[in-house]
């Protein structure tokens, strides 16, 4: 993954050239605030904790102090210093300043000492040991926060040779660069798919070889909308069984981004019969029907016979003349939140579900062709996401090995 050509030497016992150093042996926190209303500070980028991605070391929002209407004192940060959020340290909000800038009073400007690589120090502060330390000492009433004095109690073995620090920093930076490229590519592919959906699902663009009619299909005339079942707490929490029992929270699982394949709860068939829980067939299209989760607009297809809790519902297609994959794509394009009744608890009524109509090709082969194009795009995005996840895992392993000296770069 590295492009620097270092020789990798596995060495689990010899840490010659490494020394135990406290945080303030490695860095210092600058003091003194400036007025963001004055020049040149008002024109500088002002970084706050919510401008930094969790755990990535990247700033994803940039605006000046003037644009943010800043009026209270801010810290001046020099290019190459680390901006570290002292509140909620478990979120790992820190980044290396690529220009002179300001940071909010909720953050510390951290300057690497002489013969300490600032990039190496960044990765050390993103490491699990540092995060666990900072989180443990920040536990208190109110907002978790680590102060300057508490940072003094952190220590770590670090290479004394600046070149070895730089080699470690370069290897980890290469890994981060690959992760960032994959994230950008995934974002690009998602936008391309979104554009394809807008054209193909509205008949704005036709696939080659198709010119047949489209019509409105009322879904309730071609299948059934069915509600989930009650799921008493006493039966929850089992990690295996005959049926997954999906709850709204399962939508957020990484493995469930396209299809619902993994549940946090499972039940056996005898419990299913005892509860009278409805079993939904594979390829049923499920969604939230009660609560604020409706407005998240998450619709998924289940991969196997499954049960759903009573905050969810599903559409079960019963017409072989319609393509269920295309119906799922249309559901992704359809705002269920627009059907919510104006009550204290958001909900979608059965009558509103039964009235849903989708504009689709009359010919099944055109339906399947459109679905095939979109499924191919999903498969390409999923392959990239799998590669991204693997790359992130590799980088995490690199941090654990390189920052502890278990693997040396020489």
Foldseek 3Di string as FASTA:
>chain_A
DFDPPFDKDFDQDDPPQKDKDAPVVWKDWDDDWDFCVDPPQQQFWEDEQVQFQFLLQDGNDTDGNVVVVDGDTWDKEAQQWKKAFFWPLLRVRIHGHNHTHTYHPRITTIGTDPLHHSLLVSLVCSAPVNSVQSQVVQDDPDIRGDDPVSSRPDMAIDRSHSVQSVVLSSRLVVLSVVLVVLVVVLVVLVVVLVVLLVCLQVVVDADPPDDFFKDKDQLVVFWDKFFFAADDPVQFQDQDEDAAEAELVQCPDPVPVAASEGHRGYYYPVVCVVRVTDKDAFQWKKAFFKAPRLQVLDIHTYHGTHGYHRRMITTDGRHPQADSLLVSSVSSVDRCQVQFDPDPITGHDRVNSSRDIGIGGSGRVRSVVSSVVSVVSVVVSVVSVVVSVVSVVVSSVSSVCSRRVSMGTD
